[in-house]
Amino acid sequence: MLEQIPHPAEHVVAIRAGGTVTAQELQQAIDLIEMTKKRCPKVSLVAELDNLRWMTLTALLRDLGYGLTQIGELDHYHRAAVITDKEWIKHIAHLEDKLVRKIEIRTFSHKEHSAAMEWVAELPQGTTQESTQGATQGTADDDDDEPEQKGYHGA
């Protein structure tokens, strides 16, 4: 199960993962990220992962495929907060922080949930919320596109 977590900052996509994640649920999260990228030049992410048990094979392949498509798009991302109390997830997040230098990745415990939400809300230095709105808007035709039309359709 993947569900969106409300966040007041327009440039933040917050997701909670639990149980089994399906490809359809993952595509909804991808669409949300892609829509946010259209509105904001920098996107920050929150992922709550403690109750995640597994992903279906199709979801795993879609996740890997989308991740690969984002390698050339890393300039669109600012921060990622991983909220977990599981040590193995923290180790993976720290490894990703070292491998993906363009995105600042931090882990937070569940007790630090509000700190994580505040941290991802911070915009890059020299950027304001007003300057993110409409900064990446395309033509009127682009606004009518479904995010999946330009995003990864996956496995």
N, C-alpha and C. Protein backbone atom coordinates (compact mmCIF):
# COMPACT_ATOMS: atom_id res chain seq x y z
N MET A 1 0.83 -1.17 0.00
CA MET A 1 0.00 0.00 0.00
C MET A 1 0.88 1.25 0.00
N LEU A 2 0.57 2.16 -0.87
CA LEU A 2 1.19 3.48 -0.90
C LEU A 2 0.10 4.51 -0.73
N GLU A 3 0.34 5.48 0.13
CA GLU A 3 -0.63 6.56 0.28
C GLU A 3 0.11 7.88 0.41
N GLN A 4 -0.52 8.92 -0.12
CA GLN A 4 0.05 10.25 -0.03
C GLN A 4 -0.18 10.80 1.37
N ILE A 5 0.84 11.45 1.90
CA ILE A 5 0.75 12.13 3.19
C ILE A 5 0.62 13.63 2.88
N PRO A 6 -0.33 14.30 3.48
CA PRO A 6 -0.46 15.75 3.21
C PRO A 6 0.78 16.51 3.68
N HIS A 7 1.19 17.48 2.88
CA HIS A 7 2.29 18.36 3.23
C HIS A 7 1.96 19.75 2.70
N PRO A 8 2.14 20.79 3.51
CA PRO A 8 1.74 22.14 3.07
C PRO A 8 2.61 22.74 1.98
N ALA A 9 3.85 22.29 1.81
CA ALA A 9 4.73 22.87 0.79
C ALA A 9 4.42 22.25 -0.57
N GLU A 10 4.24 23.11 -1.56
CA GLU A 10 3.86 22.67 -2.91
C GLU A 10 4.92 21.78 -3.55
N HIS A 11 6.18 21.98 -3.21
CA HIS A 11 7.26 21.24 -3.86
C HIS A 11 7.58 19.90 -3.17
N VAL A 12 6.82 19.52 -2.16
CA VAL A 12 7.08 18.29 -1.41
C VAL A 12 6.06 17.22 -1.77
N VAL A 13 6.57 16.03 -2.11
CA VAL A 13 5.74 14.85 -2.32
C VAL A 13 6.03 13.92 -1.15
N ALA A 14 5.00 13.61 -0.36
CA ALA A 14 5.17 12.77 0.82
C ALA A 14 4.33 11.50 0.66
N ILE A 15 4.97 10.36 0.88
CA ILE A 15 4.35 9.06 0.66
C ILE A 15 4.62 8.15 1.86
N ARG A 16 3.61 7.37 2.23
CA ARG A 16 3.76 6.34 3.27
C ARG A 16 3.60 4.99 2.59
N ALA A 17 4.55 4.09 2.81
CA ALA A 17 4.50 2.75 2.23
C ALA A 17 4.28 1.74 3.34
N GLY A 18 3.37 0.81 3.09
CA GLY A 18 3.11 -0.23 4.06
C GLY A 18 2.58 -1.48 3.37
N GLY A 19 2.76 -2.60 4.00
CA GLY A 19 2.27 -3.85 3.43
C GLY A 19 2.93 -4.15 2.11
N THR A 20 2.13 -4.49 1.11
CA THR A 20 2.63 -4.81 -0.22
C THR A 20 2.33 -3.66 -1.16
N VAL A 21 3.33 -3.21 -1.90
CA VAL A 21 3.17 -2.13 -2.86
C VAL A 21 2.98 -2.74 -4.25
N THR A 22 1.92 -2.31 -4.93
CA THR A 22 1.64 -2.81 -6.28
C THR A 22 2.15 -1.82 -7.32
N ALA A 23 2.24 -2.28 -8.55
CA ALA A 23 2.68 -1.41 -9.65
C ALA A 23 1.71 -0.25 -9.86
N GLN A 24 0.42 -0.50 -9.70
CA GLN A 24 -0.57 0.57 -9.88
C GLN A 24 -0.39 1.66 -8.82
N GLU A 25 -0.16 1.26 -7.57
CA GLU A 25 0.08 2.24 -6.51
C GLU A 25 1.35 3.02 -6.76
N LEU A 26 2.38 2.32 -7.20
CA LEU A 26 3.65 2.98 -7.49
C LEU A 26 3.49 3.97 -8.63
N GLN A 27 2.71 3.61 -9.67
CA GLN A 27 2.50 4.53 -10.78
C GLN A 27 1.79 5.80 -10.31
N GLN A 28 0.87 5.68 -9.36
CA GLN A 28 0.21 6.87 -8.82
C GLN A 28 1.22 7.79 -8.14
N ALA A 29 2.19 7.21 -7.42
CA ALA A 29 3.23 8.01 -6.78
C ALA A 29 4.12 8.66 -7.84
N ILE A 30 4.47 7.91 -8.87
CA ILE A 30 5.28 8.46 -9.97
C ILE A 30 4.55 9.62 -10.63
N ASP A 31 3.25 9.44 -10.89
CA ASP A 31 2.46 10.52 -11.51
C ASP A 31 2.46 11.76 -10.63
N LEU A 32 2.36 11.57 -9.33
CA LEU A 32 2.37 12.70 -8.39
C LEU A 32 3.71 13.43 -8.45
N ILE A 33 4.79 12.69 -8.49
CA ILE A 33 6.12 13.30 -8.61
C ILE A 33 6.24 14.07 -9.92
N GLU A 34 5.80 13.46 -11.00
CA GLU A 34 5.90 14.11 -12.31
C GLU A 34 5.05 15.39 -12.37
N MET A 35 3.85 15.38 -11.79
CA MET A 35 3.03 16.59 -11.75
C MET A 35 3.71 17.68 -10.93
N THR A 36 4.34 17.30 -9.83
CA THR A 36 5.04 18.27 -8.99
C THR A 36 6.24 18.84 -9.73
N LYS A 37 6.95 18.01 -10.49
CA LYS A 37 8.08 18.49 -11.28
C LYS A 37 7.64 19.52 -12.33
N LYS A 38 6.43 19.37 -12.85
CA LYS A 38 5.93 20.35 -13.81
C LYS A 38 5.69 21.71 -13.17
N ARG A 39 5.25 21.71 -11.90
CA ARG A 39 4.91 22.95 -11.20
C ARG A 39 6.11 23.60 -10.52
N CYS A 40 7.08 22.80 -10.12
CA CYS A 40 8.17 23.31 -9.28
C CYS A 40 9.52 22.88 -9.85
N PRO A 41 10.49 23.79 -9.90
CA PRO A 41 11.80 23.42 -10.44
C PRO A 41 12.56 22.46 -9.52
N LYS A 42 12.27 22.47 -8.25
CA LYS A 42 12.92 21.56 -7.29
C LYS A 42 11.84 20.82 -6.51
N VAL A 43 11.98 19.52 -6.42
CA VAL A 43 11.03 18.67 -5.70
C VAL A 43 11.76 18.00 -4.55
N SER A 44 11.12 17.97 -3.40
CA SER A 44 11.63 17.23 -2.26
C SER A 44 10.66 16.10 -1.95
N LEU A 45 11.19 15.02 -1.39
CA LEU A 45 10.40 13.83 -1.14
C LEU A 45 10.45 13.42 0.32
N VAL A 46 9.35 12.84 0.79
CA VAL A 46 9.28 12.21 2.11
C VAL A 46 8.80 10.79 1.89
N ALA A 47 9.49 9.83 2.51
CA ALA A 47 9.07 8.43 2.43
C ALA A 47 9.04 7.83 3.82
N GLU A 48 7.86 7.42 4.27
CA GLU A 48 7.73 6.68 5.52
C GLU A 48 7.69 5.21 5.15
N LEU A 49 8.65 4.43 5.65
CA LEU A 49 8.83 3.07 5.13
C LEU A 49 8.74 1.94 6.15
N ASP A 50 8.43 2.18 7.39
CA ASP A 50 8.52 1.13 8.39
C ASP A 50 7.65 -0.10 8.16
N ASN A 51 6.44 0.08 7.70
CA ASN A 51 5.55 -1.07 7.56
C ASN A 51 5.59 -1.71 6.19
N LEU A 52 6.55 -1.32 5.36
CA LEU A 52 6.71 -1.91 4.03
C LEU A 52 7.17 -3.35 4.17
N ARG A 53 6.42 -4.26 3.60
CA ARG A 53 6.79 -5.68 3.65
C ARG A 53 7.49 -6.09 2.36
N TRP A 54 6.90 -5.78 1.21
CA TRP A 54 7.51 -6.07 -0.07
C TRP A 54 6.78 -5.35 -1.17
N MET A 55 7.37 -5.45 -2.37
CA MET A 55 6.76 -4.90 -3.57
C MET A 55 6.49 -6.07 -4.50
N THR A 56 5.42 -5.97 -5.28
CA THR A 56 5.20 -6.99 -6.29
C THR A 56 6.35 -6.90 -7.30
N LEU A 57 6.58 -7.96 -8.05
CA LEU A 57 7.66 -7.96 -9.03
C LEU A 57 7.46 -6.84 -10.05
N THR A 58 6.24 -6.65 -10.49
CA THR A 58 5.95 -5.59 -11.45
C THR A 58 6.24 -4.22 -10.85
N ALA A 59 5.91 -4.03 -9.58
CA ALA A 59 6.19 -2.75 -8.91
C ALA A 59 7.69 -2.54 -8.79
N LEU A 60 8.42 -3.59 -8.45
CA LEU A 60 9.87 -3.48 -8.32
C LEU A 60 10.49 -3.09 -9.66
N LEU A 61 10.07 -3.73 -10.74
CA LEU A 61 10.61 -3.40 -12.06
C LEU A 61 10.25 -1.98 -12.46
N ARG A 62 9.04 -1.56 -12.15
CA ARG A 62 8.63 -0.18 -12.47
C ARG A 62 9.47 0.82 -11.67
N ASP A 63 9.70 0.52 -10.40
CA ASP A 63 10.50 1.39 -9.54
C ASP A 63 11.92 1.52 -10.08
N LEU A 64 12.52 0.39 -10.43
CA LEU A 64 13.87 0.42 -10.99
C LEU A 64 13.91 1.18 -12.31
N GLY A 65 12.92 0.94 -13.17
CA GLY A 65 12.87 1.63 -14.46
C GLY A 65 12.70 3.12 -14.30
N TYR A 66 11.80 3.54 -13.42
CA TYR A 66 11.60 4.97 -13.19
C TYR A 66 12.87 5.60 -12.60
N GLY A 67 13.47 4.91 -11.67
CA GLY A 67 14.71 5.41 -11.07
C GLY A 67 15.78 5.65 -12.12
N LEU A 68 15.91 4.74 -13.06
CA LEU A 68 16.90 4.90 -14.12
C LEU A 68 16.57 6.10 -15.02
N THR A 69 15.29 6.34 -15.27
CA THR A 69 14.92 7.49 -16.11
C THR A 69 15.22 8.80 -15.40
N GLN A 70 15.32 8.79 -14.08
CA GLN A 70 15.54 10.02 -13.32
C GLN A 70 17.01 10.40 -13.18
N ILE A 71 17.91 9.53 -13.60
CA ILE A 71 19.34 9.83 -13.49
C ILE A 71 19.68 11.15 -14.20
N GLY A 72 19.12 11.37 -15.35
CA GLY A 72 19.35 12.62 -16.09
C GLY A 72 18.50 13.78 -15.59
N GLU A 73 17.64 13.53 -14.62
CA GLU A 73 16.71 14.55 -14.13
C GLU A 73 17.01 14.94 -12.68
N LEU A 74 18.16 14.58 -12.16
CA LEU A 74 18.45 14.79 -10.75
C LEU A 74 18.44 16.25 -10.34
N ASP A 75 18.64 17.16 -11.30
CA ASP A 75 18.59 18.58 -10.98
C ASP A 75 17.20 19.04 -10.54
N HIS A 76 16.18 18.23 -10.81
CA HIS A 76 14.81 18.56 -10.39
C HIS A 76 14.57 18.26 -8.91
N TYR A 77 15.48 17.56 -8.28
CA TYR A 77 15.27 17.13 -6.90
C TYR A 77 16.16 17.90 -5.94
N HIS A 78 15.64 18.14 -4.72
CA HIS A 78 16.39 18.88 -3.72
C HIS A 78 16.74 17.98 -2.53
N ARG A 79 15.72 17.48 -1.83
CA ARG A 79 15.95 16.69 -0.63
C ARG A 79 15.01 15.48 -0.59
N ALA A 80 15.45 14.48 0.17
CA ALA A 80 14.61 13.31 0.43
C ALA A 80 14.76 12.95 1.90
N ALA A 81 13.64 12.89 2.59
CA ALA A 81 13.62 12.49 4.00
C ALA A 81 13.04 11.08 4.07
N VAL A 82 13.77 10.19 4.71
CA VAL A 82 13.30 8.82 4.92
C VAL A 82 12.97 8.69 6.40
N ILE A 83 11.71 8.42 6.68
CA ILE A 83 11.27 8.29 8.07
C ILE A 83 11.12 6.81 8.37
N THR A 84 11.96 6.33 9.29
CA THR A 84 11.97 4.91 9.63
C THR A 84 12.67 4.71 10.97
N ASP A 85 12.33 3.62 11.62
CA ASP A 85 13.06 3.18 12.80
C ASP A 85 13.82 1.90 12.52
N LYS A 86 13.79 1.45 11.28
CA LYS A 86 14.48 0.21 10.88
C LYS A 86 15.91 0.53 10.44
N GLU A 87 16.86 -0.10 11.09
CA GLU A 87 18.28 0.18 10.82
C GLU A 87 18.68 -0.17 9.39
N TRP A 88 18.18 -1.26 8.83
CA TRP A 88 18.59 -1.65 7.48
C TRP A 88 18.12 -0.63 6.44
N ILE A 89 16.96 -0.01 6.67
CA ILE A 89 16.49 1.02 5.76
C ILE A 89 17.37 2.27 5.89
N LYS A 90 17.76 2.60 7.12
CA LYS A 90 18.65 3.75 7.34
C LYS A 90 19.98 3.55 6.61
N HIS A 91 20.51 2.33 6.66
CA HIS A 91 21.79 2.05 5.99
C HIS A 91 21.67 2.23 4.47
N ILE A 92 20.56 1.76 3.89
CA ILE A 92 20.35 1.94 2.45
C ILE A 92 20.24 3.42 2.10
N ALA A 93 19.51 4.17 2.91
CA ALA A 93 19.35 5.61 2.66
C ALA A 93 20.69 6.34 2.74
N HIS A 94 21.53 5.97 3.71
CA HIS A 94 22.86 6.60 3.83
C HIS A 94 23.73 6.25 2.62
N LEU A 95 23.63 5.03 2.13
CA LEU A 95 24.37 4.63 0.94
C LEU A 95 23.89 5.44 -0.27
N GLU A 96 22.58 5.58 -0.42
CA GLU A 96 22.04 6.38 -1.52
C GLU A 96 22.49 7.83 -1.43
N ASP A 97 22.59 8.37 -0.22
CA ASP A 97 23.05 9.75 -0.05
C ASP A 97 24.48 9.90 -0.57
N LYS A 98 25.29 8.89 -0.37
CA LYS A 98 26.68 8.95 -0.86
C LYS A 98 26.76 8.75 -2.38
N LEU A 99 25.87 7.93 -2.92
CA LEU A 99 25.90 7.64 -4.35
C LEU A 99 25.24 8.73 -5.19
N VAL A 100 24.18 9.34 -4.69
CA VAL A 100 23.42 10.34 -5.43
C VAL A 100 23.70 11.70 -4.78
N ARG A 101 24.80 12.30 -5.16
CA ARG A 101 25.27 13.53 -4.50
C ARG A 101 24.40 14.75 -4.80
N LYS A 102 23.62 14.72 -5.87
CA LYS A 102 22.81 15.90 -6.21
C LYS A 102 21.59 16.05 -5.32
N ILE A 103 21.21 15.00 -4.60
CA ILE A 103 20.05 15.03 -3.72
C ILE A 103 20.53 14.81 -2.29
N GLU A 104 20.13 15.68 -1.40
CA GLU A 104 20.46 15.51 0.00
C GLU A 104 19.45 14.55 0.63
N ILE A 105 19.93 13.43 1.14
CA ILE A 105 19.06 12.41 1.72
C ILE A 105 19.39 12.26 3.20
N ARG A 106 18.35 12.31 4.04
CA ARG A 106 18.52 12.16 5.48
C ARG A 106 17.49 11.19 6.02
N THR A 107 17.87 10.50 7.08
CA THR A 107 16.91 9.62 7.75
C THR A 107 16.46 10.27 9.06
N PHE A 108 15.22 9.97 9.42
CA PHE A 108 14.61 10.49 10.64
C PHE A 108 13.85 9.34 11.30
N SER A 109 13.84 9.31 12.61
CA SER A 109 13.02 8.34 13.32
C SER A 109 11.58 8.83 13.33
N HIS A 110 10.66 7.96 13.72
CA HIS A 110 9.26 8.40 13.78
C HIS A 110 9.06 9.51 14.81
N LYS A 111 9.89 9.53 15.84
CA LYS A 111 9.80 10.61 16.84
C LYS A 111 10.18 11.95 16.22
N GLU A 112 10.95 11.91 15.13
CA GLU A 112 11.42 13.12 14.46
C GLU A 112 10.57 13.47 13.22
N HIS A 113 9.38 12.93 13.15
CA HIS A 113 8.51 13.11 11.99
C HIS A 113 8.33 14.59 11.62
N SER A 114 8.01 15.42 12.60
CA SER A 114 7.79 16.84 12.30
C SER A 114 9.08 17.52 11.84
N ALA A 115 10.23 17.11 12.38
CA ALA A 115 11.51 17.67 11.94
C ALA A 115 11.78 17.29 10.48
N ALA A 116 11.43 16.06 10.11
CA ALA A 116 11.60 15.62 8.72
C ALA A 116 10.74 16.45 7.78
N MET A 117 9.49 16.69 8.17
CA MET A 117 8.58 17.46 7.33
C MET A 117 9.04 18.91 7.19
N GLU A 118 9.59 19.48 8.26
CA GLU A 118 10.13 20.85 8.19
C GLU A 118 11.38 20.90 7.31
N TRP A 119 12.25 19.90 7.45
CA TRP A 119 13.51 19.87 6.71
C TRP A 119 13.26 19.82 5.20
N VAL A 120 12.33 18.96 4.75
CA VAL A 120 12.07 18.88 3.30
C VAL A 120 11.35 20.11 2.78
N ALA A 121 10.67 20.84 3.65
CA ALA A 121 9.96 22.04 3.22
C ALA A 121 10.91 23.18 2.87
N GLU A 122 12.13 23.13 3.40
CA GLU A 122 13.10 24.18 3.11
C GLU A 122 13.48 24.13 1.64
N LEU A 123 13.45 25.28 1.01
CA LEU A 123 13.82 25.38 -0.39
C LEU A 123 15.31 25.60 -0.54
N PRO A 124 15.86 25.31 -1.72
CA PRO A 124 17.28 25.58 -1.94
C PRO A 124 17.59 27.06 -1.72
N GLN A 125 18.80 27.34 -1.29
CA GLN A 125 19.21 28.71 -1.03
C GLN A 125 18.97 29.57 -2.27
N GLY A 126 18.37 30.74 -2.06
CA GLY A 126 18.09 31.65 -3.15
C GLY A 126 16.77 31.39 -3.87
N THR A 127 16.01 30.39 -3.41
CA THR A 127 14.73 30.05 -4.03
C THR A 127 13.62 30.36 -3.04
N THR A 128 12.52 30.89 -3.55
CA THR A 128 11.35 31.12 -2.70
C THR A 128 10.19 30.32 -3.24
N GLN A 129 9.17 30.13 -2.44
CA GLN A 129 7.99 29.41 -2.89
C GLN A 129 7.38 30.09 -4.11
N GLU A 130 7.38 31.42 -4.11
CA GLU A 130 6.80 32.15 -5.23
C GLU A 130 7.57 31.88 -6.52
N SER A 131 8.91 31.76 -6.43
CA SER A 131 9.68 31.54 -7.64
C SER A 131 9.54 30.12 -8.15
N THR A 132 9.03 29.20 -7.32
CA THR A 132 8.83 27.83 -7.80
C THR A 132 7.51 27.70 -8.54
N GLN A 133 6.54 28.54 -8.23
CA GLN A 133 5.23 28.41 -8.85
C GLN A 133 5.30 28.85 -10.30
N GLY A 134 4.96 27.92 -11.18
CA GLY A 134 4.91 28.23 -12.60
C GLY A 134 6.28 28.31 -13.24
N ALA A 135 7.33 28.02 -12.52
CA ALA A 135 8.67 28.17 -13.08
C ALA A 135 8.94 27.19 -14.20
N THR A 136 8.26 26.05 -14.19
CA THR A 136 8.52 25.06 -15.23
C THR A 136 7.28 24.80 -16.06
N GLN A 137 6.36 25.76 -16.09
CA GLN A 137 5.14 25.55 -16.87
C GLN A 137 5.47 25.53 -18.35
N GLY A 138 4.80 24.62 -19.05
CA GLY A 138 4.99 24.52 -20.49
C GLY A 138 3.87 25.24 -21.21
N THR A 139 3.55 24.72 -22.38
CA THR A 139 2.48 25.31 -23.16
C THR A 139 1.14 24.85 -22.61
N ALA A 140 0.08 25.43 -23.12
CA ALA A 140 -1.26 25.02 -22.69
C ALA A 140 -1.49 23.56 -23.00
N ASP A 141 -0.92 23.07 -24.13
CA ASP A 141 -1.07 21.66 -24.47
C ASP A 141 -0.41 20.77 -23.43
N ASP A 142 0.72 21.19 -22.88
CA ASP A 142 1.42 20.41 -21.87
C ASP A 142 0.58 20.26 -20.61
N ASP A 143 -0.19 21.30 -20.26
CA ASP A 143 -0.98 21.27 -19.05
C ASP A 143 -2.08 20.22 -19.13
N ASP A 144 -2.50 19.87 -20.35
CA ASP A 144 -3.57 18.89 -20.52
C ASP A 144 -3.05 17.46 -20.50
N ASP A 145 -1.74 17.28 -20.61
CA ASP A 145 -1.17 15.93 -20.65
C ASP A 145 -1.35 15.22 -19.33
N GLU A 146 -1.59 13.94 -19.41
CA GLU A 146 -1.56 13.11 -18.22
C GLU A 146 -0.09 12.91 -17.86
N PRO A 147 0.26 12.91 -16.57
CA PRO A 147 1.66 12.74 -16.19
C PRO A 147 2.28 11.47 -16.77
N GLU A 148 1.48 10.41 -16.89
CA GLU A 148 2.02 9.15 -17.39
C GLU A 148 2.44 9.27 -18.85
N GLN A 149 1.87 10.24 -19.59
CA GLN A 149 2.23 10.40 -20.99
C GLN A 149 3.67 10.83 -21.15
N LYS A 150 4.19 11.58 -20.18
CA LYS A 150 5.58 12.02 -20.24
C LYS A 150 6.47 11.28 -19.26
N GLY A 151 5.87 10.62 -18.30
CA GLY A 151 6.62 9.89 -17.28
C GLY A 151 6.92 8.48 -17.71
N TYR A 152 7.34 7.68 -16.77
CA TYR A 152 7.70 6.29 -17.05
C TYR A 152 6.47 5.42 -16.95
N HIS A 153 6.21 4.62 -17.95
CA HIS A 153 5.05 3.73 -17.97
C HIS A 153 5.41 2.38 -17.38
N GLY A 154 6.64 1.99 -17.50
CA GLY A 154 7.18 0.86 -16.78
C GLY A 154 6.72 -0.51 -17.18
N ALA A 155 7.14 -1.39 -16.34
CA ALA A 155 6.94 -2.82 -16.57
C ALA A 155 5.49 -3.21 -16.51
